[in-house]
Amino acid sequence: MCLGIPARVEEVRGEMGTVSIGEAKIEVSLVLVDGVSTGDYVLVHAGFAIARVNEKEAEETLSLIKEMIADLTLS
């Protein structure tokens, strides 16, 4: 099973970019998604942006992930 995490594109430099996931900023390859711009949201898996997603979907998914983590730490 693989998991793509939504991330906001902070900077685009050719085929590479910087994305933010919460407070974390990571470098990812943008070669798999055409026309990515600063401010877009993308799904990130294994160092690659694999799809563009809308902001609402990204925020909902990140909220669910935070809830799951919170539930795990409370157990």
PDB file of N, CA and C in Angstrom:
ATOM      1  N   MET A   1       0.844  -1.177   0.000  1.00  0.00           N
ATOM      2  CA  MET A   1       0.000   0.000   0.000  1.00  0.00           C
ATOM      3  C   MET A   1       0.886   1.235   0.000  1.00  0.00           C
ATOM      4  N   CYS A   2       0.483   2.223  -0.759  1.00  0.00           N
ATOM      5  CA  CYS A   2       1.226   3.477  -0.757  1.00  0.00           C
ATOM      6  C   CYS A   2       0.296   4.597  -0.311  1.00  0.00           C
ATOM      7  N   LEU A   3       0.896   5.657   0.151  1.00  0.00           N
ATOM      8  CA  LEU A   3       0.136   6.769   0.671  1.00  0.00           C
ATOM      9  C   LEU A   3       0.676   8.063   0.095  1.00  0.00           C
ATOM     10  N   GLY A   4      -0.173   8.833  -0.563  1.00  0.00           N
ATOM     11  CA  GLY A   4       0.206  10.161  -1.040  1.00  0.00           C
ATOM     12  C   GLY A   4      -0.264  11.188  -0.034  1.00  0.00           C
ATOM     13  N   ILE A   5       0.620  12.085   0.353  1.00  0.00           N
ATOM     14  CA  ILE A   5       0.311  13.108   1.337  1.00  0.00           C
ATOM     15  C   ILE A   5       0.128  14.449   0.623  1.00  0.00           C
ATOM     16  N   PRO A   6      -0.955  15.165   0.875  1.00  0.00           N
ATOM     17  CA  PRO A   6      -1.129  16.472   0.253  1.00  0.00           C
ATOM     18  C   PRO A   6      -0.097  17.472   0.775  1.00  0.00           C
ATOM     19  N   ALA A   7       0.416  18.283  -0.125  1.00  0.00           N
ATOM     20  CA  ALA A   7       1.408  19.293   0.243  1.00  0.00           C
ATOM     21  C   ALA A   7       1.187  20.531  -0.607  1.00  0.00           C
ATOM     22  N   ARG A   8       1.505  21.690  -0.043  1.00  0.00           N
ATOM     23  CA  ARG A   8       1.370  22.967  -0.760  1.00  0.00           C
ATOM     24  C   ARG A   8       2.710  23.291  -1.413  1.00  0.00           C
ATOM     25  N   VAL A   9       2.669  23.647  -2.684  1.00  0.00           N
ATOM     26  CA  VAL A   9       3.887  23.999  -3.418  1.00  0.00           C
ATOM     27  C   VAL A   9       4.307  25.412  -3.014  1.00  0.00           C
ATOM     28  N   GLU A  10       5.509  25.513  -2.466  1.00  0.00           N
ATOM     29  CA  GLU A  10       6.047  26.795  -2.015  1.00  0.00           C
ATOM     30  C   GLU A  10       6.951  27.439  -3.060  1.00  0.00           C
ATOM     31  N   GLU A  11       7.651  26.607  -3.838  1.00  0.00           N
ATOM     32  CA  GLU A  11       8.593  27.128  -4.824  1.00  0.00           C
ATOM     33  C   GLU A  11       8.760  26.109  -5.949  1.00  0.00           C
ATOM     34  N   VAL A  12       8.856  26.587  -7.163  1.00  0.00           N
ATOM     35  CA  VAL A  12       9.088  25.730  -8.325  1.00  0.00           C
ATOM     36  C   VAL A  12      10.406  26.147  -8.966  1.00  0.00           C
ATOM     37  N   ARG A  13      11.279  25.176  -9.198  1.00  0.00           N
ATOM     38  CA  ARG A  13      12.563  25.392  -9.858  1.00  0.00           C
ATOM     39  C   ARG A  13      12.732  24.337 -10.941  1.00  0.00           C
ATOM     40  N   GLY A  14      12.180  24.607 -12.105  1.00  0.00           N
ATOM     41  CA  GLY A  14      12.251  23.636 -13.188  1.00  0.00           C
ATOM     42  C   GLY A  14      11.458  22.393 -12.847  1.00  0.00           C
ATOM     43  N   GLU A  15      12.140  21.241 -12.831  1.00  0.00           N
ATOM     44  CA  GLU A  15      11.477  19.967 -12.539  1.00  0.00           C
ATOM     45  C   GLU A  15      11.481  19.614 -11.048  1.00  0.00           C
ATOM     46  N   MET A  16      11.991  20.515 -10.219  1.00  0.00           N
ATOM     47  CA  MET A  16      12.025  20.298  -8.772  1.00  0.00           C
ATOM     48  C   MET A  16      11.237  21.399  -8.084  1.00  0.00           C
ATOM     49  N   GLY A  17      10.826  21.122  -6.856  1.00  0.00           N
ATOM     50  CA  GLY A  17      10.106  22.128  -6.100  1.00  0.00           C
ATOM     51  C   GLY A  17      10.215  21.892  -4.609  1.00  0.00           C
ATOM     52  N   THR A  18       9.866  22.920  -3.856  1.00  0.00           N
ATOM     53  CA  THR A  18       9.785  22.818  -2.408  1.00  0.00           C
ATOM     54  C   THR A  18       8.309  22.828  -2.045  1.00  0.00           C
ATOM     55  N   VAL A  19       7.911  21.858  -1.222  1.00  0.00           N
ATOM     56  CA  VAL A  19       6.527  21.781  -0.760  1.00  0.00           C
ATOM     57  C   VAL A  19       6.506  21.824   0.759  1.00  0.00           C
ATOM     58  N   SER A  20       5.365  22.246   1.304  1.00  0.00           N
ATOM     59  CA  SER A  20       5.214  22.234   2.753  1.00  0.00           C
ATOM     60  C   SER A  20       4.082  21.299   3.140  1.00  0.00           C
ATOM     61  N   ILE A  21       4.367  20.554   4.203  1.00  0.00           N
ATOM     62  CA  ILE A  21       3.379  19.683   4.825  1.00  0.00           C
ATOM     63  C   ILE A  21       3.398  20.072   6.298  1.00  0.00           C
ATOM     64  N   GLY A  22       2.414  20.848   6.706  1.00  0.00           N
ATOM     65  CA  GLY A  22       2.463  21.413   8.052  1.00  0.00           C
ATOM     66  C   GLY A  22       3.651  22.350   8.147  1.00  0.00           C
ATOM     67  N   GLU A  23       4.504  22.140   9.129  1.00  0.00           N
ATOM     68  CA  GLU A  23       5.691  22.971   9.321  1.00  0.00           C
ATOM     69  C   GLU A  23       6.900  22.456   8.528  1.00  0.00           C
ATOM     70  N   ALA A  24       6.802  21.236   8.015  1.00  0.00           N
ATOM     71  CA  ALA A  24       7.924  20.626   7.295  1.00  0.00           C
ATOM     72  C   ALA A  24       7.979  21.115   5.854  1.00  0.00           C
ATOM     73  N   LYS A  25       9.188  21.364   5.372  1.00  0.00           N
ATOM     74  CA  LYS A  25       9.403  21.716   3.967  1.00  0.00           C
ATOM     75  C   LYS A  25      10.333  20.665   3.374  1.00  0.00           C
ATOM     76  N   ILE A  26       9.932  20.115   2.221  1.00  0.00           N
ATOM     77  CA  ILE A  26      10.745  19.086   1.581  1.00  0.00           C
ATOM     78  C   ILE A  26      10.883  19.367   0.095  1.00  0.00           C
ATOM     79  N   GLU A  27      11.942  18.827  -0.478  1.00  0.00           N
ATOM     80  CA  GLU A  27      12.190  18.939  -1.903  1.00  0.00           C
ATOM     81  C   GLU A  27      11.560  17.739  -2.602  1.00  0.00           C
ATOM     82  N   VAL A  28      10.844  18.000  -3.689  1.00  0.00           N
ATOM     83  CA  VAL A  28      10.217  16.921  -4.442  1.00  0.00           C
ATOM     84  C   VAL A  28      10.435  17.132  -5.929  1.00  0.00           C
ATOM     85  N   SER A  29      10.338  16.045  -6.664  1.00  0.00           N
ATOM     86  CA  SER A  29      10.372  16.113  -8.119  1.00  0.00           C
ATOM     87  C   SER A  29       8.972  16.427  -8.621  1.00  0.00           C
ATOM     88  N   LEU A  30       8.899  17.313  -9.618  1.00  0.00           N
ATOM     89  CA  LEU A  30       7.619  17.702 -10.202  1.00  0.00           C
ATOM     90  C   LEU A  30       7.426  17.134 -11.607  1.00  0.00           C
ATOM     91  N   VAL A  31       8.300  16.214 -12.025  1.00  0.00           N
ATOM     92  CA  VAL A  31       8.286  15.738 -13.413  1.00  0.00           C
ATOM     93  C   VAL A  31       7.013  14.983 -13.796  1.00  0.00           C
ATOM     94  N   LEU A  32       6.289  14.454 -12.843  1.00  0.00           N
ATOM     95  CA  LEU A  32       5.105  13.650 -13.154  1.00  0.00           C
ATOM     96  C   LEU A  32       3.824  14.463 -13.287  1.00  0.00           C
ATOM     97  N   VAL A  33       3.869  15.751 -12.924  1.00  0.00           N
ATOM     98  CA  VAL A  33       2.672  16.588 -12.955  1.00  0.00           C
ATOM     99  C   VAL A  33       2.974  17.846 -13.774  1.00  0.00           C
ATOM    100  N   ASP A  34       2.238  18.038 -14.847  1.00  0.00           N
ATOM    101  CA  ASP A  34       2.451  19.197 -15.715  1.00  0.00           C
ATOM    102  C   ASP A  34       1.875  20.476 -15.108  1.00  0.00           C
ATOM    103  N   GLY A  35       2.568  21.577 -15.351  1.00  0.00           N
ATOM    104  CA  GLY A  35       2.038  22.896 -15.038  1.00  0.00           C
ATOM    105  C   GLY A  35       1.857  23.220 -13.581  1.00  0.00           C
ATOM    106  N   VAL A  36       2.682  22.657 -12.700  1.00  0.00           N
ATOM    107  CA  VAL A  36       2.569  22.941 -11.273  1.00  0.00           C
ATOM    108  C   VAL A  36       3.084  24.359 -11.005  1.00  0.00           C
ATOM    109  N   SER A  37       2.329  25.113 -10.204  1.00  0.00           N
ATOM    110  CA  SER A  37       2.699  26.487  -9.854  1.00  0.00           C
ATOM    111  C   SER A  37       2.733  26.653  -8.341  1.00  0.00           C
ATOM    112  N   THR A  38       3.436  27.685  -7.905  1.00  0.00           N
ATOM    113  CA  THR A  38       3.458  28.034  -6.489  1.00  0.00           C
ATOM    114  C   THR A  38       2.019  28.237  -6.009  1.00  0.00           C
ATOM    115  N   GLY A  39       1.708  27.670  -4.851  1.00  0.00           N
ATOM    116  CA  GLY A  39       0.364  27.770  -4.291  1.00  0.00           C
ATOM    117  C   GLY A  39      -0.527  26.589  -4.602  1.00  0.00           C
ATOM    118  N   ASP A  40      -0.146  25.784  -5.604  1.00  0.00           N
ATOM    119  CA  ASP A  40      -0.907  24.576  -5.911  1.00  0.00           C
ATOM    120  C   ASP A  40      -0.742  23.557  -4.787  1.00  0.00           C
ATOM    121  N   TYR A  41      -1.673  22.619  -4.717  1.00  0.00           N
ATOM    122  CA  TYR A  41      -1.548  21.474  -3.813  1.00  0.00           C
ATOM    123  C   TYR A  41      -1.323  20.231  -4.657  1.00  0.00           C
ATOM    124  N   VAL A  42      -0.399  19.395  -4.204  1.00  0.00           N
ATOM    125  CA  VAL A  42      -0.084  18.158  -4.908  1.00  0.00           C
ATOM    126  C   VAL A  42      -0.046  17.012  -3.910  1.00  0.00           C
ATOM    127  N   LEU A  43      -0.253  15.791  -4.418  1.00  0.00           N
ATOM    128  CA  LEU A  43      -0.028  14.600  -3.599  1.00  0.00           C
ATOM    129  C   LEU A  43       1.428  14.213  -3.750  1.00  0.00           C
ATOM    130  N   VAL A  44       2.099  13.965  -2.632  1.00  0.00           N
ATOM    131  CA  VAL A  44       3.514  13.605  -2.646  1.00  0.00           C
ATOM    132  C   VAL A  44       3.667  12.163  -2.178  1.00  0.00           C
ATOM    133  N   HIS A  45       4.420  11.395  -2.955  1.00  0.00           N
ATOM    134  CA  HIS A  45       4.742  10.009  -2.594  1.00  0.00           C
ATOM    135  C   HIS A  45       6.170   9.727  -3.014  1.00  0.00           C
ATOM    136  N   ALA A  46       6.970   9.268  -2.073  1.00  0.00           N
ATOM    137  CA  ALA A  46       8.350   8.837  -2.337  1.00  0.00           C
ATOM    138  C   ALA A  46       9.165   9.917  -3.049  1.00  0.00           C
ATOM    139  N   GLY A  47       8.975  11.180  -2.651  1.00  0.00           N
ATOM    140  CA  GLY A  47       9.766  12.263  -3.207  1.00  0.00           C
ATOM    141  C   GLY A  47       9.284  12.815  -4.530  1.00  0.00           C
ATOM    142  N   PHE A  48       8.108  12.371  -4.984  1.00  0.00           N
ATOM    143  CA  PHE A  48       7.544  12.833  -6.253  1.00  0.00           C
ATOM    144  C   PHE A  48       6.160  13.404  -6.024  1.00  0.00           C
ATOM    145  N   ALA A  49       5.851  14.514  -6.687  1.00  0.00           N
ATOM    146  CA  ALA A  49       4.473  14.977  -6.777  1.00  0.00           C
ATOM    147  C   ALA A  49       3.816  14.080  -7.819  1.00  0.00           C
ATOM    148  N   ILE A  50       2.707  13.425  -7.444  1.00  0.00           N
ATOM    149  CA  ILE A  50       2.106  12.456  -8.365  1.00  0.00           C
ATOM    150  C   ILE A  50       0.769  12.923  -8.939  1.00  0.00           C
ATOM    151  N   ALA A  51       0.167  13.961  -8.346  1.00  0.00           N
ATOM    152  CA  ALA A  51      -1.106  14.485  -8.852  1.00  0.00           C
ATOM    153  C   ALA A  51      -1.371  15.837  -8.212  1.00  0.00           C
ATOM    154  N   ARG A  52      -2.139  16.651  -8.898  1.00  0.00           N
ATOM    155  CA  ARG A  52      -2.578  17.927  -8.337  1.00  0.00           C
ATOM    156  C   ARG A  52      -3.932  17.691  -7.680  1.00  0.00           C
ATOM    157  N   VAL A  53      -4.162  18.319  -6.528  1.00  0.00           N
ATOM    158  CA  VAL A  53      -5.450  18.236  -5.832  1.00  0.00           C
ATOM    159  C   VAL A  53      -5.902  19.647  -5.470  1.00  0.00           C
ATOM    160  N   ASN A  54      -7.207  19.810  -5.265  1.00  0.00           N
ATOM    161  CA  ASN A  54      -7.666  21.149  -4.886  1.00  0.00           C
ATOM    162  C   ASN A  54      -7.424  21.385  -3.398  1.00  0.00           C
ATOM    163  N   GLU A  55      -7.414  22.652  -3.024  1.00  0.00           N
ATOM    164  CA  GLU A  55      -7.077  23.037  -1.652  1.00  0.00           C
ATOM    165  C   GLU A  55      -8.016  22.418  -0.623  1.00  0.00           C
ATOM    166  N   LYS A  56      -9.312  22.408  -0.921  1.00  0.00           N
ATOM    167  CA  LYS A  56     -10.285  21.854   0.022  1.00  0.00           C
ATOM    168  C   LYS A  56     -10.020  20.371   0.278  1.00  0.00           C
ATOM    169  N   GLU A  57      -9.800  19.626  -0.781  1.00  0.00           N
ATOM    170  CA  GLU A  57      -9.502  18.199  -0.642  1.00  0.00           C
ATOM    171  C   GLU A  57      -8.214  17.987   0.156  1.00  0.00           C
ATOM    172  N   ALA A  58      -7.204  18.800  -0.124  1.00  0.00           N
ATOM    173  CA  ALA A  58      -5.929  18.681   0.593  1.00  0.00           C
ATOM    174  C   ALA A  58      -6.112  18.943   2.079  1.00  0.00           C
ATOM    175  N   GLU A  59      -6.824  20.018   2.419  1.00  0.00           N
ATOM    176  CA  GLU A  59      -7.029  20.359   3.824  1.00  0.00           C
ATOM    177  C   GLU A  59      -7.855  19.302   4.553  1.00  0.00           C
ATOM    178  N   GLU A  60      -8.870  18.758   3.895  1.00  0.00           N
ATOM    179  CA  GLU A  60      -9.680  17.697   4.511  1.00  0.00           C
ATOM    180  C   GLU A  60      -8.840  16.453   4.780  1.00  0.00           C
ATOM    181  N   THR A  61      -8.009  16.084   3.816  1.00  0.00           N
ATOM    182  CA  THR A  61      -7.157  14.902   3.973  1.00  0.00           C
ATOM    183  C   THR A  61      -6.144  15.112   5.092  1.00  0.00           C
ATOM    184  N   LEU A  62      -5.520  16.284   5.140  1.00  0.00           N
ATOM    185  CA  LEU A  62      -4.549  16.569   6.201  1.00  0.00           C
ATOM    186  C   LEU A  62      -5.217  16.560   7.573  1.00  0.00           C
ATOM    187  N   SER A  63      -6.440  17.047   7.646  1.00  0.00           N
ATOM    188  CA  SER A  63      -7.180  17.032   8.910  1.00  0.00           C
ATOM    189  C   SER A  63      -7.447  15.594   9.369  1.00  0.00           C
ATOM    190  N   LEU A  64      -7.834  14.731   8.440  1.00  0.00           N
ATOM    191  CA  LEU A  64      -8.067  13.322   8.779  1.00  0.00           C
ATOM    192  C   LEU A  64      -6.780  12.635   9.241  1.00  0.00           C
ATOM    193  N   ILE A  65      -5.678  12.937   8.585  1.00  0.00           N
ATOM    194  CA  ILE A  65      -4.389  12.354   8.982  1.00  0.00           C
ATOM    195  C   ILE A  65      -4.030  12.799  10.396  1.00  0.00           C
ATOM    196  N   LYS A  66      -4.235  14.086  10.707  1.00  0.00           N
ATOM    197  CA  LYS A  66      -3.957  14.587  12.058  1.00  0.00           C
ATOM    198  C   LYS A  66      -4.822  13.881  13.090  1.00  0.00           C
ATOM    199  N   GLU A  67      -6.100  13.650  12.773  1.00  0.00           N
ATOM    200  CA  GLU A  67      -6.989  12.937  13.694  1.00  0.00           C
ATOM    201  C   GLU A  67      -6.499  11.513  13.930  1.00  0.00           C
ATOM    202  N   MET A  68      -6.075  10.836  12.868  1.00  0.00           N
ATOM    203  CA  MET A  68      -5.577   9.454  13.020  1.00  0.00           C
ATOM    204  C   MET A  68      -4.334   9.430  13.902  1.00  0.00           C
ATOM    205  N   ILE A  69      -3.435  10.370  13.707  1.00  0.00           N
ATOM    206  CA  ILE A  69      -2.219  10.424  14.521  1.00  0.00           C
ATOM    207  C   ILE A  69      -2.568  10.677  15.982  1.00  0.00           C
ATOM    208  N   ALA A  70      -3.495  11.599  16.216  1.00  0.00           N
ATOM    209  CA  ALA A  70      -3.917  11.898  17.570  1.00  0.00           C
ATOM    210  C   ALA A  70      -4.523  10.654  18.233  1.00  0.00           C
ATOM    211  N   ASP A  71      -5.345   9.913  17.492  1.00  0.00           N
ATOM    212  CA  ASP A  71      -5.942   8.701  18.037  1.00  0.00           C
ATOM    213  C   ASP A  71      -4.870   7.665  18.384  1.00  0.00           C
ATOM    214  N   LEU A  72      -3.838   7.557  17.577  1.00  0.00           N
ATOM    215  CA  LEU A  72      -2.759   6.593  17.836  1.00  0.00           C
ATOM    216  C   LEU A  72      -1.977   6.974  19.082  1.00  0.00           C
ATOM    217  N   THR A  73      -1.739   8.260  19.285  1.00  0.00           N
ATOM    218  CA  THR A  73      -0.948   8.691  20.438  1.00  0.00           C
ATOM    219  C   THR A  73      -1.739   8.607  21.737  1.00  0.00           C
ATOM    220  N   LEU A  74      -3.064   8.627  21.647  1.00  0.00           N
ATOM    221  CA  LEU A  74      -3.896   8.511  22.831  1.00  0.00           C
ATOM    222  C   LEU A  74      -4.087   7.061  23.264  1.00  0.00           C
ATOM    223  N   SER A  75      -3.837   6.133  22.369  1.00  0.00           N
ATOM    224  CA  SER A  75      -4.048   4.704  22.684  1.00  0.00           C
ATOM    225  C   SER A  75      -2.982   4.157  23.585  1.00  0.00           C
TER     226      SER A  75
END
